[in-house]
């Protein structure tokens, strides 16, 4: 029974070892989120207003709205986080970092909304 404990601990230590994400993960995630946002916007643009009278036709535009909003918000946060990643830490820089983050979020949201 005592022989299984060190083996179990070693396996657990190996399983919980930190793993570095791939270097291009942020770029791949950003391109995927951009693609999803654009597809959702295209779906909403193709929806005819005359179809609003029948609630059975609301599923695709509603799904496009939810998915597009989620992907757009994630894209804005990803870009703002990337800019804030290089900022200085400490209590002195907290207010400055918060202000810069809010400005970045606004700028990225305007970029996304301005494209359409």
Protein backbone atom coordinates (compact mmCIF):
# COMPACT_ATOMS: atom_id res chain seq x y z
CA UNK A 1 0.00 0.00 0.00
CA UNK A 2 2.87 2.39 0.77
CA UNK A 3 4.37 1.80 -2.69
CA UNK A 4 1.26 3.16 -4.41
CA UNK A 5 1.39 6.52 -2.61
CA UNK A 6 4.69 7.78 -4.12
CA UNK A 7 3.60 6.58 -7.56
CA UNK A 8 0.27 8.36 -7.19
CA UNK A 9 1.95 11.56 -6.05
CA UNK A 10 4.36 11.44 -8.96
CA UNK A 11 1.54 10.93 -11.44
CA UNK A 12 -0.43 13.76 -9.88
CA UNK A 13 2.61 16.07 -9.95
CA UNK A 14 3.19 15.21 -13.61
CA UNK A 15 -0.47 15.74 -14.51
CA UNK A 16 -0.64 19.14 -12.80
CA UNK A 17 2.60 20.49 -14.25
CA UNK A 18 2.15 23.94 -15.82
CA UNK A 19 1.83 23.99 -19.59
CA UNK A 20 2.72 26.97 -21.73
CA UNK A 21 0.14 27.83 -24.39
CA UNK A 22 1.26 27.94 -28.03
CA UNK A 23 2.83 31.21 -29.12
CA UNK A 24 0.21 31.85 -31.80
CA UNK A 25 -2.79 31.12 -29.57
CA UNK A 26 -3.79 34.78 -29.19
CA UNK A 27 -3.64 35.38 -32.95
CA UNK A 28 -5.67 32.25 -33.70
CA UNK A 29 -8.25 33.15 -31.07
CA UNK A 30 -8.50 36.71 -32.38
CA UNK A 31 -8.97 35.57 -35.98
CA UNK A 32 -11.60 33.03 -34.93
CA UNK A 33 -13.52 35.61 -32.89
CA UNK A 34 -13.32 38.11 -35.75
CA UNK A 35 -14.65 35.51 -38.17
CA UNK A 36 -17.53 34.60 -35.85
CA UNK A 37 -18.41 38.27 -35.34
CA UNK A 38 -18.41 38.90 -39.10
CA UNK A 39 -20.53 35.84 -39.83
CA UNK A 40 -23.07 36.89 -37.20
CA UNK A 41 -23.20 40.41 -38.63
CA UNK A 42 -23.70 39.02 -42.14
CA UNK A 43 -26.53 36.82 -40.87
CA UNK A 44 -28.22 39.81 -39.25
CA UNK A 45 -27.79 41.93 -42.38
CA UNK A 46 -29.39 39.22 -44.52
CA UNK A 47 -32.44 39.05 -42.27
CA UNK A 48 -35.43 40.80 -43.76
CA UNK A 49 -37.52 43.01 -41.52
CA UNK A 50 -40.70 41.68 -43.10
CA UNK A 51 -39.94 38.32 -41.49
CA UNK A 52 -40.35 39.82 -38.00
CA UNK A 53 -44.06 39.17 -38.01
CA UNK A 54 -43.59 35.43 -37.76
CA UNK A 55 -41.83 34.40 -34.50
CA UNK A 56 -40.74 31.11 -36.09
CA UNK A 57 -38.24 33.11 -38.14
CA UNK A 58 -36.60 34.69 -35.10
CA UNK A 59 -34.34 31.76 -34.13
CA UNK A 60 -31.47 32.37 -36.56
CA UNK A 61 -31.27 36.14 -36.06
CA UNK A 62 -31.55 35.73 -32.29
CA UNK A 63 -28.77 33.13 -32.30
CA UNK A 64 -26.65 35.38 -34.54
CA UNK A 65 -27.23 38.29 -32.18
CA UNK A 66 -26.22 36.30 -29.10
CA UNK A 67 -23.20 34.65 -30.71
CA UNK A 68 -22.05 37.84 -32.40
CA UNK A 69 -22.36 39.87 -29.22
CA UNK A 70 -20.45 37.27 -27.23
CA UNK A 71 -17.69 36.96 -29.81
CA UNK A 72 -17.44 40.73 -30.18
CA UNK A 73 -17.20 41.24 -26.43
CA UNK A 74 -14.56 38.53 -26.15
CA UNK A 75 -12.62 40.11 -29.00
CA UNK A 76 -12.72 43.53 -27.33
CA UNK A 77 -11.54 42.04 -24.03
CA UNK A 78 -8.79 40.04 -25.73
CA UNK A 79 -7.40 43.10 -27.51
CA UNK A 80 -7.64 45.27 -24.39
CA UNK A 81 -5.96 42.56 -22.31
CA UNK A 82 -3.13 42.30 -24.81
CA UNK A 83 -2.50 46.05 -24.53
CA UNK A 84 -2.73 46.01 -20.74
CA UNK A 85 -0.41 43.02 -20.43
CA UNK A 86 2.71 45.17 -20.64
CA UNK A 87 1.61 47.72 -18.04
CA UNK A 88 3.40 48.27 -14.74
CA UNK A 89 2.04 46.62 -11.60
CA UNK A 90 1.65 47.88 -8.07
CA UNK A 91 -0.95 49.99 -6.33
CA UNK A 92 0.26 53.22 -7.93
CA UNK A 93 -0.54 51.98 -11.42
CA UNK A 94 -3.96 50.50 -10.64
CA UNK A 95 -5.94 53.64 -11.45
CA UNK A 96 -3.86 54.31 -14.55
CA UNK A 97 -4.29 50.73 -15.72
CA UNK A 98 -8.04 50.86 -15.11
CA UNK A 99 -8.36 54.12 -17.08
CA UNK A 100 -6.28 52.73 -19.93
CA UNK A 101 -8.32 49.52 -19.98
CA UNK A 102 -11.60 51.43 -20.19
CA UNK A 103 -10.18 53.57 -23.00
CA UNK A 104 -8.97 50.45 -24.83
CA UNK A 105 -12.36 48.78 -24.43
CA UNK A 106 -14.09 51.85 -25.87
CA UNK A 107 -11.64 52.11 -28.75
CA UNK A 108 -11.98 48.43 -29.67
CA UNK A 109 -15.78 48.58 -29.41
CA UNK A 110 -15.83 51.60 -31.73
CA UNK A 111 -13.59 49.74 -34.21
CA UNK A 112 -15.93 46.75 -34.25
CA UNK A 113 -19.07 48.83 -34.50
CA UNK A 114 -17.55 51.16 -37.05
CA UNK A 115 -16.76 48.26 -39.39
CA UNK A 116 -20.46 47.57 -39.85
